[in-house]
Protein backbone atom coordinates (compact mmCIF):
# COMPACT_ATOMS: atom_id res chain seq x y z
CA MET A 1 -30.93 130.29 -4.14
CA ILE A 2 -31.76 126.68 -3.32
CA LEU A 3 -35.08 127.48 -1.61
CA LEU A 4 -38.31 127.64 -3.60
CA ASP A 5 -39.16 131.16 -4.75
CA PRO A 6 -42.50 131.31 -6.60
CA LYS A 7 -41.77 134.80 -7.94
CA ASN A 8 -38.45 133.77 -9.46
CA HIS A 9 -38.87 130.11 -10.24
CA ASP A 10 -35.90 129.42 -12.48
CA ARG A 11 -35.01 125.83 -11.61
CA PHE A 12 -33.47 123.62 -14.28
CA TYR A 13 -35.91 121.33 -16.11
CA PRO A 14 -35.00 118.56 -18.52
CA ASP A 15 -38.24 119.05 -20.49
CA GLU A 16 -40.85 121.74 -21.07
CA ARG A 17 -43.78 119.72 -19.72
CA SER A 18 -42.16 119.48 -16.28
CA ARG A 19 -41.61 123.25 -16.28
CA GLU A 20 -45.21 123.78 -17.36
CA VAL A 21 -46.63 121.60 -14.57
CA MET A 22 -44.71 123.46 -11.87
CA GLN A 23 -45.36 126.94 -13.22
CA LYS A 24 -49.06 126.29 -13.76
CA THR A 25 -49.40 124.85 -10.26
CA ILE A 26 -47.73 127.90 -8.77
CA ALA A 27 -49.92 130.17 -10.91
CA PHE A 28 -53.08 128.38 -9.71
CA PHE A 29 -52.33 129.11 -6.07
CA GLU A 30 -51.02 132.62 -6.65
CA ALA A 31 -54.26 133.45 -8.47
CA LYS A 32 -56.33 131.90 -5.69
CA GLY A 33 -54.60 134.14 -3.17
CA LYS A 34 -53.87 133.81 0.52
CA ARG A 35 -57.22 135.14 1.70
CA ALA A 36 -59.17 132.46 -0.20
CA LEU A 37 -56.61 129.84 0.78
CA LYS A 38 -57.08 130.63 4.46
CA ARG A 39 -60.87 130.94 4.14
CA ASP A 40 -61.16 127.50 2.58
CA ASP A 41 -58.95 126.07 5.30
CA ARG A 42 -60.97 127.74 8.06
CA ASP A 43 -64.32 126.68 6.59
CA ARG A 44 -63.13 123.14 5.74
CA VAL A 45 -64.03 123.59 2.06
CA TRP A 46 -63.43 120.53 -0.09
CA TYR A 47 -60.75 121.49 -2.64
CA ALA A 48 -62.89 120.93 -5.73
CA ASP A 49 -61.26 123.92 -7.48
CA PHE A 50 -57.83 122.33 -7.14
CA LEU A 51 -59.06 118.96 -8.40
CA GLU A 52 -60.71 120.66 -11.38
CA PHE A 53 -57.39 122.36 -12.13
CA VAL A 54 -55.62 118.99 -11.85
CA LYS A 55 -58.13 117.50 -14.28
CA GLN A 56 -58.01 120.31 -16.84
CA GLU A 57 -54.22 120.53 -16.84
CA ARG A 58 -53.69 116.73 -16.62
CA ILE A 59 -51.37 117.24 -13.66
CA PHE A 60 -51.82 113.89 -11.90
CA ALA A 61 -51.94 112.12 -15.26
CA THR A 62 -48.54 113.55 -16.13
CA MET A 63 -46.94 113.07 -12.72
CA CYS A 64 -48.38 109.74 -11.60
CA THR A 65 -48.54 107.57 -14.73
CA PRO A 66 -45.46 105.46 -15.48
CA ALA A 67 -44.13 105.66 -19.02
CA GLY A 68 -45.95 103.38 -21.42
CA TYR A 69 -49.37 103.68 -19.80
CA GLY A 70 -50.29 107.26 -20.55
CA ALA A 71 -49.47 110.13 -22.86
CA ALA A 72 -45.94 110.78 -24.05
CA ASP A 73 -45.37 113.36 -21.29
CA SER A 74 -46.25 110.88 -18.52
CA ARG A 75 -43.63 109.20 -16.36
CA TRP A 76 -42.97 108.43 -12.71
CA ASP A 77 -40.10 110.84 -12.20
CA THR A 78 -39.04 111.15 -8.56
CA TRP A 79 -37.07 114.35 -9.17
CA ARG A 80 -40.05 116.31 -10.43
CA ILE A 81 -42.34 114.59 -7.91
CA CYS A 82 -40.14 116.07 -5.16
CA GLU A 83 -40.61 119.56 -6.50
CA PHE A 84 -44.35 119.10 -6.96
CA ALA A 85 -44.69 117.92 -3.35
CA GLU A 86 -42.67 120.92 -2.20
CA ILE A 87 -44.90 123.34 -4.11
CA LEU A 88 -48.10 121.80 -2.74
CA GLY A 89 -46.71 121.92 0.81
CA PHE A 90 -45.73 125.55 0.25
CA TYR A 91 -49.38 126.47 -0.34
CA GLY A 92 -51.21 124.07 1.94
CA LEU A 93 -50.90 120.59 3.35
CA HIS A 94 -54.40 119.55 2.30
CA TYR A 95 -53.61 120.01 -1.37
CA TRP A 96 -50.48 117.95 -0.85
CA TYR A 97 -52.48 115.34 1.02
CA THR A 98 -54.99 114.55 -1.74
CA TRP A 99 -52.05 114.03 -4.10
CA GLN A 100 -50.02 112.04 -1.55
CA VAL A 101 -52.77 109.52 -0.80
CA SER A 102 -53.32 109.18 -4.54
CA VAL A 103 -49.64 108.22 -4.83
CA LEU A 104 -50.17 105.58 -2.15
CA GLY A 105 -53.32 104.28 -3.79
CA LEU A 106 -51.52 103.96 -7.12
CA GLY A 107 -48.62 102.00 -5.64
CA PRO A 108 -50.28 98.55 -5.48
CA ILE A 109 -51.74 99.12 -8.94
CA TRP A 110 -48.47 99.95 -10.69
CA MET A 111 -46.71 97.16 -8.78
CA SER A 112 -49.22 94.56 -9.89
CA GLU A 113 -49.29 92.33 -12.96
CA ASN A 114 -52.92 93.25 -13.60
CA GLU A 115 -52.69 95.01 -16.96
CA GLU A 116 -56.43 95.57 -17.20
CA VAL A 117 -56.50 97.61 -13.99
CA LYS A 118 -53.33 99.46 -15.00
CA GLN A 119 -54.85 100.54 -18.31
CA ARG A 120 -58.06 101.54 -16.52
CA THR A 121 -56.04 103.53 -14.01
CA ALA A 122 -54.24 105.43 -16.76
CA ARG A 123 -57.60 106.39 -18.27
CA LEU A 124 -58.94 107.46 -14.88
CA LEU A 125 -55.89 109.65 -14.27
CA GLU A 126 -56.45 111.34 -17.62
CA GLU A 127 -60.03 111.99 -16.51
CA GLY A 128 -58.78 113.70 -13.34
CA GLY A 129 -59.32 110.78 -10.97
CA ILE A 130 -57.89 110.64 -7.46
CA PHE A 131 -56.98 107.44 -5.62
CA ALA A 132 -56.88 105.94 -2.13
CA PHE A 133 -54.86 103.41 -0.16
CA GLY A 134 -57.11 101.17 1.92
CA LEU A 135 -54.63 99.69 4.37
CA SER A 136 -55.21 100.85 7.95
CA GLU A 137 -58.09 99.83 10.22
CA ARG A 138 -59.59 101.34 13.32
CA ALA A 139 -58.78 98.41 15.58
CA HIS A 140 -55.39 97.49 14.13
CA GLY A 141 -53.92 100.64 12.58
CA ALA A 142 -51.31 99.58 10.05
CA ASP A 143 -50.93 96.11 11.63
CA VAL A 144 -51.84 94.45 8.38
CA TYR A 145 -51.38 90.95 9.83
CA SER A 146 -54.58 91.52 11.79
CA THR A 147 -56.81 92.80 9.02
CA ASP A 148 -60.55 92.32 9.44
CA MET A 149 -61.21 92.92 5.74
CA HIS A 150 -62.21 89.47 4.42
CA LEU A 151 -62.95 88.19 0.94
CA VAL A 152 -65.36 85.24 1.02
CA PRO A 153 -65.00 82.88 -1.99
CA GLN A 154 -68.21 82.24 -3.94
CA GLU A 155 -69.23 78.94 -5.55
CA GLY A 156 -69.58 80.46 -8.99
CA GLY A 157 -66.21 82.21 -8.76
CA GLY A 158 -65.19 85.56 -7.38
CA TYR A 159 -65.55 86.84 -3.82
CA LEU A 160 -67.70 88.99 -1.59
CA ALA A 161 -65.67 91.45 0.49
CA HIS A 162 -66.76 92.73 3.87
CA GLY A 163 -65.02 94.80 6.50
CA GLU A 164 -64.02 98.36 7.27
CA LYS A 165 -61.02 100.59 6.70
CA TYR A 166 -60.19 103.63 8.77
CA TYR A 167 -58.17 106.77 8.19
CA ILE A 168 -58.21 106.49 4.41
CA GLY A 169 -57.62 109.73 2.53
CA ASN A 170 -59.73 110.39 -0.58
CA GLY A 171 -62.11 107.60 0.43
CA ASN A 172 -65.07 109.78 -0.53
CA LEU A 173 -64.30 110.20 -4.23
CA ALA A 174 -61.44 107.87 -5.14
CA ALA A 175 -61.72 106.37 -8.61
CA ILE A 176 -60.01 103.27 -7.23
CA VAL A 177 -59.35 102.37 -3.61
CA SER A 178 -56.49 99.86 -3.42
CA THR A 179 -57.79 97.77 -0.53
CA PHE A 180 -55.85 95.29 1.58
CA GLY A 181 -57.47 92.21 3.09
CA LYS A 182 -57.24 88.43 3.15
CA ILE A 183 -59.14 85.48 1.76
CA ASP A 184 -61.59 84.32 4.42
CA GLY A 185 -60.42 81.32 6.43
CA THR A 186 -56.83 81.57 5.15
CA ASP A 187 -53.67 83.59 5.68
CA ASP A 188 -53.69 84.51 2.00
CA TYR A 189 -53.38 88.30 1.90
CA VAL A 190 -54.67 90.24 -1.07
CA PHE A 191 -54.81 93.74 -2.60
CA PHE A 192 -57.88 94.41 -4.72
CA ALA A 193 -59.35 97.34 -6.62
CA VAL A 194 -62.51 98.93 -5.21
CA ASP A 195 -64.82 101.53 -6.75
CA SER A 196 -65.80 104.12 -4.11
CA GLN A 197 -69.05 104.88 -5.97
CA HIS A 198 -70.27 101.26 -5.93
CA GLU A 199 -73.56 100.62 -4.09
CA LYS A 200 -71.83 98.07 -1.82
CA TYR A 201 -69.25 100.66 -0.78
CA GLU A 202 -70.26 102.81 2.18
CA CYS A 203 -68.29 105.98 2.89
CA LYS A 204 -69.34 106.34 6.50
CA ARG A 205 -67.71 109.62 7.48
CA SER A 206 -64.60 111.75 7.53
CA VAL A 207 -62.73 111.15 10.78
CA VAL A 208 -60.87 114.50 10.79
CA ASN A 209 -61.97 118.11 11.04
CA SER A 210 -60.22 119.53 7.99
CA GLN A 211 -60.43 120.23 4.28
CA SER A 212 -59.11 116.75 3.63
CA TYR A 213 -61.54 113.86 3.56
CA VAL A 214 -60.00 111.08 5.65
CA SER A 215 -62.59 108.38 5.53
CA ASN A 216 -63.93 105.47 7.43
CA TYR A 217 -65.39 103.22 4.74
CA ALA A 218 -67.07 99.83 4.80
CA LEU A 219 -67.62 97.11 2.20
CA HIS A 220 -70.89 95.25 2.50
CA ASP A 221 -70.59 92.02 0.48
CA TYR A 222 -68.80 94.00 -2.20
CA PRO A 223 -68.38 91.81 -5.34
CA VAL A 224 -64.73 91.16 -6.27
CA GLU A 225 -63.79 89.37 -9.47
CA GLU A 226 -60.41 87.86 -10.26
CA SER A 227 -59.90 90.79 -12.62
CA ASP A 228 -60.04 93.12 -9.59
CA ILE A 229 -57.21 91.34 -7.76
CA LEU A 230 -53.94 93.27 -7.75
CA GLU A 231 -51.68 91.05 -5.67
CA ARG A 232 -52.00 87.93 -3.54
CA GLY A 233 -49.95 86.26 -0.84
CA ARG A 234 -46.44 87.52 -0.27
CA ASP A 235 -46.78 89.88 -3.24
CA ALA A 236 -49.63 91.69 -1.46
CA TRP A 237 -47.50 92.07 1.66
CA ASN A 238 -44.58 93.35 -0.39
CA ALA A 239 -46.84 95.80 -2.22
CA ALA A 240 -48.03 97.30 1.08
CA LEU A 241 -44.51 97.95 2.35
CA ASN A 242 -43.02 98.92 -1.00
CA THR A 243 -45.82 101.41 -1.60
CA VAL A 244 -44.96 103.07 1.69
CA ASN A 245 -41.30 103.11 0.55
CA VAL A 246 -42.39 105.12 -2.48
CA GLY A 247 -44.80 107.43 -0.69
CA LYS A 248 -43.35 108.33 2.69
CA PHE A 249 -40.40 110.08 1.08
CA ASN A 250 -42.83 112.84 0.04
CA LEU A 251 -43.59 113.85 3.64
CA GLY A 252 -40.17 115.42 3.94
CA TRP A 253 -40.88 117.52 0.86
CA ALA A 254 -44.20 118.71 2.24
CA SER A 255 -42.32 119.84 5.34
CA ILE A 256 -39.76 121.71 3.21
CA GLY A 257 -42.55 123.55 1.40
CA ILE A 258 -44.36 124.52 4.60
CA CYS A 259 -41.17 125.77 6.25
CA THR A 260 -40.08 127.78 3.21
CA HIS A 261 -43.34 129.73 3.02
CA SER A 262 -43.27 130.26 6.78
CA LEU A 263 -39.70 131.57 6.65
CA TYR A 264 -40.60 134.20 4.06
CA GLU A 265 -43.53 135.35 6.13
CA ALA A 266 -41.67 135.40 9.44
CA VAL A 267 -38.64 137.32 8.14
CA ARG A 268 -40.85 139.87 6.39
CA HIS A 269 -42.84 140.47 9.56
CA ALA A 270 -39.79 140.76 11.80
CA ALA A 271 -37.87 143.01 9.41
CA ASN A 272 -40.77 145.46 9.27
CA ARG A 273 -41.56 145.54 12.99
CA GLN A 274 -39.99 148.02 15.41
CA LEU A 275 -39.50 147.30 19.11
CA TYR A 276 -37.72 149.60 21.54
CA GLY A 277 -36.48 151.79 18.73
CA GLN A 278 -34.99 149.10 16.52
CA ALA A 279 -36.06 146.47 14.00
CA VAL A 280 -36.85 143.07 15.47
CA THR A 281 -34.22 141.60 13.15
CA ASP A 282 -31.53 143.67 14.94
CA PHE A 283 -31.88 141.70 18.19
CA PRO A 284 -29.07 139.12 18.66
CA HIS A 285 -31.40 136.32 19.74
CA VAL A 286 -33.59 136.92 16.69
CA LYS A 287 -30.56 136.65 14.41
CA GLN A 288 -29.66 133.38 16.13
CA LEU A 289 -33.16 131.94 15.75
CA PHE A 290 -33.42 132.95 12.10
CA GLY A 291 -29.90 131.69 11.43
CA ASP A 292 -30.70 128.30 12.93
CA ALA A 293 -34.04 128.09 11.10
CA TYR A 294 -32.44 128.95 7.76
CA ALA A 295 -29.56 126.53 8.28
CA ARG A 296 -31.93 123.71 9.19
CA LEU A 297 -34.16 124.39 6.19
CA VAL A 298 -31.32 124.46 3.68
CA ALA A 299 -30.01 121.22 5.18
CA MET A 300 -33.47 119.63 4.90
CA LYS A 301 -33.61 120.37 1.19
CA LEU A 302 -30.03 119.30 0.46
CA VAL A 303 -30.55 115.98 2.25
CA ALA A 304 -33.90 115.30 0.59
CA LEU A 305 -32.52 116.11 -2.86
CA ARG A 306 -29.57 113.80 -2.33
CA ALA A 307 -31.75 110.99 -1.04
CA ALA A 308 -33.80 111.36 -4.24
CA ASP A 309 -30.63 110.73 -6.28
CA TYR A 310 -30.17 107.38 -4.53
CA MET A 311 -33.85 106.55 -4.85
CA ARG A 312 -33.75 107.17 -8.61
CA SER A 313 -30.55 105.15 -8.98
CA ALA A 314 -31.82 102.13 -7.01
CA SER A 315 -31.55 98.61 -8.35
CA PRO A 316 -31.55 95.05 -6.99
CA ASP A 317 -27.82 95.58 -6.35
CA ASP A 318 -28.14 98.99 -4.74
CA ARG A 319 -30.89 99.43 -2.16
CA ARG A 320 -29.30 102.16 -0.08
CA TYR A 321 -32.45 104.21 -0.59
CA LEU A 322 -34.15 102.00 2.00
CA LEU A 323 -32.10 103.81 4.65
CA TYR A 324 -32.12 107.28 3.11
CA ASN A 325 -35.87 107.18 2.48
CA PRO A 326 -36.94 106.84 6.17
CA VAL A 327 -34.23 109.35 7.11
CA VAL A 328 -35.99 111.91 4.90
CA LYS A 329 -39.37 110.95 6.30
CA MET A 330 -38.33 111.00 9.95
CA LYS A 331 -35.51 113.52 10.18
CA VAL A 332 -36.59 116.12 7.64
CA THR A 333 -40.10 116.27 9.11
CA THR A 334 -38.86 116.63 12.70
CA GLN A 335 -36.35 119.25 11.58
CA GLY A 336 -39.33 121.03 10.06
CA GLU A 337 -40.94 121.18 13.50
CA ASP A 338 -37.76 122.77 14.83
CA VAL A 339 -37.78 125.36 12.03
CA ILE A 340 -41.37 126.36 12.77
CA ASP A 341 -40.60 126.56 16.51
CA HIS A 342 -37.65 128.89 15.86
CA LEU A 343 -39.75 131.14 13.62
CA TRP A 344 -42.65 131.15 16.07
CA ASP A 345 -40.35 132.28 18.87
CA VAL A 346 -39.61 135.35 16.75
CA ILE A 347 -43.06 136.30 15.47
CA ALA A 348 -44.83 135.25 18.70
CA ALA A 349 -48.54 136.14 18.74
CA LYS A 350 -48.44 137.04 15.05
CA GLY A 351 -48.25 133.31 14.39
CA PHE A 352 -51.81 132.89 15.65
CA GLU A 353 -53.41 135.50 13.41
CA SER A 354 -56.04 134.28 10.99
CA ASP A 355 -54.63 136.10 7.96
CA MET A 356 -51.18 134.51 8.32
CA TYR A 357 -50.12 131.45 6.38
CA PHE A 358 -48.07 130.67 9.49
CA GLU A 359 -51.15 129.94 11.58
CA MET A 360 -51.97 127.07 9.24
CA ALA A 361 -48.35 125.94 8.94
CA ALA A 362 -47.83 125.71 12.71
CA ARG A 363 -50.70 123.23 12.92
CA ASP A 364 -49.89 121.21 9.82
CA ILE A 365 -46.16 120.77 10.43
CA ARG A 366 -46.99 118.63 13.48
CA ALA A 367 -48.81 116.05 11.38
CA LEU A 368 -45.94 115.02 9.14
CA PRO A 369 -43.71 113.20 11.67
CA LYS A 370 -46.74 111.15 12.68
CA LEU A 371 -47.91 109.95 9.25
CA GLU A 372 -46.49 106.97 7.30
CA GLY A 373 -44.93 105.61 10.49
CA THR A 374 -44.15 107.58 13.64
CA VAL A 375 -40.63 108.68 14.58
CA HIS A 376 -40.26 105.54 16.69
CA VAL A 377 -41.38 103.28 13.84
CA ASN A 378 -38.95 104.84 11.39
CA ILE A 379 -36.10 104.82 13.90
CA ALA A 380 -36.71 101.10 14.47
CA LEU A 381 -36.25 100.64 10.71
CA ILE A 382 -33.27 102.98 10.39
CA ILE A 383 -31.32 101.32 13.17
CA LYS A 384 -31.42 97.95 11.37
CA PHE A 385 -28.90 99.39 8.90
CA MET A 386 -26.48 100.74 11.50
CA PRO A 387 -24.05 97.78 11.83
CA ASN A 388 -23.42 97.51 8.09
CA PHE A 389 -23.26 101.27 7.68
CA PHE A 390 -20.45 101.64 10.22
CA PHE A 391 -18.58 98.37 10.02
CA GLN A 392 -19.08 96.77 6.60
CA PRO A 393 -18.79 99.44 3.92
CA GLU A 394 -18.84 98.46 0.28
CA ALA A 395 -17.54 100.17 -2.84
CA TYR A 396 -20.14 101.63 -5.20
CA SER A 397 -19.97 103.74 -8.30
CA GLU A 398 -20.60 107.39 -7.56
CA ILE A 399 -24.23 108.47 -7.63
CA VAL A 400 -24.52 111.70 -9.60
CA ARG A 401 -27.23 114.37 -9.47
CA ARG A 402 -30.33 112.72 -10.96
CA ASP A 403 -32.39 115.54 -12.44
CA ASP A 404 -32.71 113.81 -15.80
CA ALA A 405 -36.08 113.05 -17.42
CA ALA A 406 -36.33 109.35 -16.58
CA ASP A 407 -39.06 106.94 -15.57
CA ASP A 408 -38.18 105.43 -12.19
CA THR A 409 -39.44 101.98 -13.01
CA TYR A 410 -37.51 100.17 -10.29
CA LEU A 411 -39.78 101.64 -7.62
CA PHE A 412 -42.58 99.41 -8.89
CA HIS A 413 -40.34 96.36 -9.07
CA GLN A 414 -38.70 96.48 -5.65
CA GLY A 415 -39.38 92.81 -5.00
CA ALA A 416 -39.27 91.12 -1.61
CA THR A 417 -39.07 93.33 1.44
CA ARG A 418 -36.81 90.91 3.29
CA GLY A 419 -33.06 91.03 3.55
CA LEU A 420 -32.53 94.50 4.98
CA GLY A 421 -29.59 93.20 6.99
CA GLN A 422 -27.79 92.34 3.75
CA ILE A 423 -27.80 95.90 2.37
CA ARG A 424 -24.38 97.55 2.27
CA PHE A 425 -23.43 101.24 2.13
CA HIS A 426 -20.51 103.23 0.85
CA ASP A 427 -17.99 104.45 3.41
CA TYR A 428 -19.28 107.59 5.09
CA ALA A 429 -15.82 108.73 6.25
CA PRO A 430 -14.28 110.15 3.02
CA VAL A 431 -16.86 112.88 2.54
CA TYR A 432 -16.35 114.03 6.14
CA GLU A 433 -12.56 113.84 5.89
CA ALA A 434 -12.58 115.89 2.69
CA SER A 435 -13.97 118.90 4.53
CA GLU A 436 -11.72 121.28 6.46
CA LEU A 437 -14.58 123.33 7.86
CA PRO A 438 -14.29 123.79 11.64
CA ASN A 439 -17.70 122.47 12.62
CA VAL A 440 -17.52 119.55 10.24
CA GLY A 441 -14.33 118.69 12.11
CA VAL A 442 -16.12 118.85 15.47
CA PHE A 443 -18.95 116.73 14.11
CA ARG A 444 -16.42 114.20 12.81
CA GLU A 445 -15.02 113.89 16.35
CA GLN A 446 -18.50 113.21 17.70
CA ILE A 447 -19.02 110.49 15.09
CA ALA A 448 -15.73 108.84 16.04
CA VAL A 449 -16.80 108.65 19.68
CA PHE A 450 -20.21 107.28 18.73
CA LYS A 451 -18.64 104.58 16.58
CA GLU A 452 -16.35 103.59 19.46
CA PHE A 453 -19.40 103.54 21.73
CA LEU A 454 -21.02 100.99 19.40
CA GLU A 455 -17.84 98.88 19.34
CA LYS A 456 -16.83 98.93 23.00
CA ALA A 457 -20.01 99.74 24.92
CA THR A 458 -22.41 97.91 22.65
CA PRO A 459 -26.06 98.10 23.73
CA GLY A 460 -27.05 94.85 25.43
CA GLU A 461 -29.96 92.57 24.64
CA SER A 462 -32.38 94.32 26.99
CA GLN A 463 -31.40 97.72 25.59
CA ALA A 464 -31.86 96.43 22.05
CA ASN A 465 -35.47 95.66 22.98
CA ASP A 466 -36.02 99.03 24.66
CA ILE A 467 -37.60 101.32 22.04
CA ASP A 468 -37.04 104.41 24.17
CA TYR A 469 -33.33 103.66 24.50
CA LEU A 470 -32.98 102.84 20.81
CA LEU A 471 -34.68 106.11 19.89
CA SER A 472 -31.72 108.07 21.24
CA VAL A 473 -29.19 105.72 19.64
CA GLY A 474 -31.10 105.96 16.37
CA GLU A 475 -31.20 109.76 16.48
CA LEU A 476 -27.41 109.83 16.81
CA PHE A 477 -26.99 107.40 13.94
CA THR A 478 -29.45 109.32 11.79
CA LEU A 479 -27.42 112.49 12.25
CA VAL A 480 -24.36 110.71 10.83
CA VAL A 481 -26.31 109.69 7.72
CA TYR A 482 -27.90 113.13 7.51
CA GLY A 483 -24.56 114.89 7.60
CA GLN A 484 -23.13 112.55 4.98
CA LEU A 485 -25.93 113.22 2.48
CA LEU A 486 -25.73 116.92 3.25
CA LEU A 487 -22.01 117.13 2.51
CA GLU A 488 -22.35 115.13 -0.68
CA ASN A 489 -25.00 117.51 -1.98
CA ALA A 490 -23.32 120.66 -0.72
CA ALA A 491 -20.48 119.78 -3.09
CA ILE A 492 -22.85 118.99 -5.98
CA TYR A 493 -24.82 122.25 -5.56
CA GLU A 494 -21.69 124.27 -4.69
CA ILE A 495 -23.06 125.58 -1.40
CA GLU A 496 -20.71 128.15 0.09
CA ASP A 497 -18.47 127.11 2.96
CA ASP A 498 -19.88 129.67 5.40
CA LEU A 499 -23.36 128.23 5.07
CA VAL A 500 -22.21 124.60 5.32
CA ASP A 501 -20.22 125.40 8.47
CA ARG A 502 -23.25 127.22 9.91
CA ILE A 503 -25.37 124.14 9.25
CA PHE A 504 -22.89 121.92 11.06
CA ASP A 505 -22.88 124.37 13.96
CA VAL A 506 -26.53 123.32 14.37
CA LEU A 507 -25.81 119.61 13.88
CA VAL A 508 -23.02 119.62 16.49
CA ARG A 509 -25.49 121.00 19.02
CA ASP A 510 -28.10 118.43 17.99
CA PHE A 511 -25.59 115.61 18.41
CA SER A 512 -24.73 116.83 21.90
CA ARG A 513 -28.42 117.07 22.79
CA PHE A 514 -29.09 113.46 21.81
CA ALA A 515 -25.95 112.33 23.62
CA VAL A 516 -27.30 113.92 26.80
CA ASP A 517 -30.62 112.20 26.18
CA LEU A 518 -28.90 108.83 25.80
CA TYR A 519 -26.85 109.48 28.96
CA SER A 520 -30.07 110.03 30.92
CA LYS A 521 -31.77 106.77 29.91
CA PRO A 522 -32.46 104.55 32.93
CA SER A 523 -30.73 101.57 31.36
CA SER A 524 -27.51 103.37 30.29
CA ASN A 525 -24.52 101.85 32.07
CA GLU A 526 -21.40 103.59 33.32
CA ALA A 527 -19.29 102.80 30.26
CA GLN A 528 -22.00 104.06 27.92
CA MET A 529 -22.50 107.19 29.99
CA ALA A 530 -18.79 107.95 29.77
CA TYR A 531 -18.96 107.81 25.99
CA CYS A 532 -22.03 110.04 26.00
CA LYS A 533 -20.05 112.68 27.89
CA GLN A 534 -17.33 112.49 25.25
CA MET A 535 -19.86 113.07 22.48
CA ILE A 536 -20.82 116.44 23.93
CA ARG A 537 -19.04 119.13 21.97
CA LYS A 538 -19.32 122.87 21.59
CA PRO A 539 -19.48 124.16 18.03
CA VAL A 540 -16.79 126.54 16.83
CA ALA A 541 -18.29 130.00 17.15
CA ASP A 542 -17.74 132.47 14.35
CA ALA A 543 -19.68 135.69 14.86
CA ALA A 544 -18.57 137.17 11.54
CA ARG A 545 -19.71 134.05 9.67
CA SER A 546 -23.09 134.09 11.38
CA GLN A 547 -23.57 137.76 10.58
CA ARG A 548 -22.70 137.19 6.92
CA ILE A 549 -25.25 134.36 6.67
CA PHE A 550 -27.89 136.56 8.26
CA GLU A 551 -27.19 139.59 6.08
CA GLU A 552 -26.65 137.77 2.78
CA HIS A 553 -29.13 134.91 3.07
CA VAL A 554 -31.78 135.53 5.72
CA LEU A 555 -32.55 139.26 5.70
CA PRO A 556 -33.04 139.52 1.89
CA LEU A 557 -35.95 137.07 2.25
CA ALA A 558 -38.00 139.93 3.74
CA ASP A 559 -38.53 141.38 0.27
CA ARG A 560 -38.31 138.18 -1.75
CA TYR A 561 -41.83 136.76 -1.62
CA GLU A 562 -45.29 137.53 -0.27
CA MET A 563 -48.38 135.63 -1.31
CA PRO A 564 -50.99 137.96 -2.79
CA ASP A 565 -54.32 138.34 -1.05
């Protein structure tokens, strides 16, 4: 089974330390139990027990220290990072969050040439330190051009920093806060290391009502030496964006974890509940909702795993991950919302109950599409790659499954963030043409119409500046990329044809839905509307296939996993 199963966690590991980290993390939460998990969430209890576990077991030190800076078992390994993010999401978004913002805070450090800070960071990780990413501000959000964090040069050397940052996770206890600002009176941007326990650092408050501490902090003439500087000028700008490239990928994995736990809980409840003389799982609409939820979730994991292969294989000559990364962030997280909605329609009021993991999941799943760039922001990025993706394919060597024990050093040497329009992609068509599954065939027809739409009814200049219009175009394009990655990984993981066809049943309907949305846009012209009509397709129904998926994949989940109290 491709989904996470804490009771039967038998995934392949290239080394024993990776296995140990995952199994010990699962054991920590299983021992804590659902009742305590929910109590701490309800009472907004700071997760000191989790951070003590991280410290004692050297979890962050192992997972977040590139090779050469820590112990022999330390490396920045995207494959195992994916699984770790999934496990944390499975048990609670707040535990994932303190790790995620540490990843972001570490980005500018590991990307810098400041060896002193790097060595200090490695020691702090070994001591159980957490980290923070001081980028956004209350007035400007992530508009880093407009930062009000200023460093004032001093006559004797060094600087005094003043300004505030807003919505900064871990800002209460971070060992280092990687803070973005600019040299006063210049346009010289800078990342510098800040100690959250310094007397000139004021942690003003947490701006959210949750277990997580999402701070508003201020620097009051905070002393900054040259040895504290991580990056300056264009390098600082690149570090901000490249750090997000590394970190936002993890949001999709948090969503996968949340949805997996919720699926177990929902199926178990429905299978053991009787209505009108029959099990809830016997109702046709319930089978449809569970079938769609399961298909979407499996697709989410296959796509995210495949995107990780490209991320690990990236180089200056192969930057395809810059498309696949925001696809995971945007599409996997929004698919996660759909999964939770399907499950909630089945379990209904049970989803509100205080002793259900689902009650927490239904709230938390909504956060992920909105962090590290909204759907609109990520679509605006994704669509930049569309012309080259469709019309200028390039030959690449095949990217294999990357579950090897390797340090993904390129992620901290991504270089300039310019030149996205120069990135080329391998031809998407062969992987679609290789499949004879009915719904893959229907989806392939939809893609062909969409490509012709781009060629012959090309969005005009005003439409290209209309974010609402581009959102629909971008959703259609994203589905093409999504399906491509899915098919590639379905072959690698040998996913059975019935399940793949059931997944594309869902994707055909999604494609039609976005085509209708594009048709309805005020600025769509007659030619474009005609193409939108052609994109609408009905999936090939196969009742026997759907029943097999339900009986062989969905219903057995009722007895597969339940978190102990």
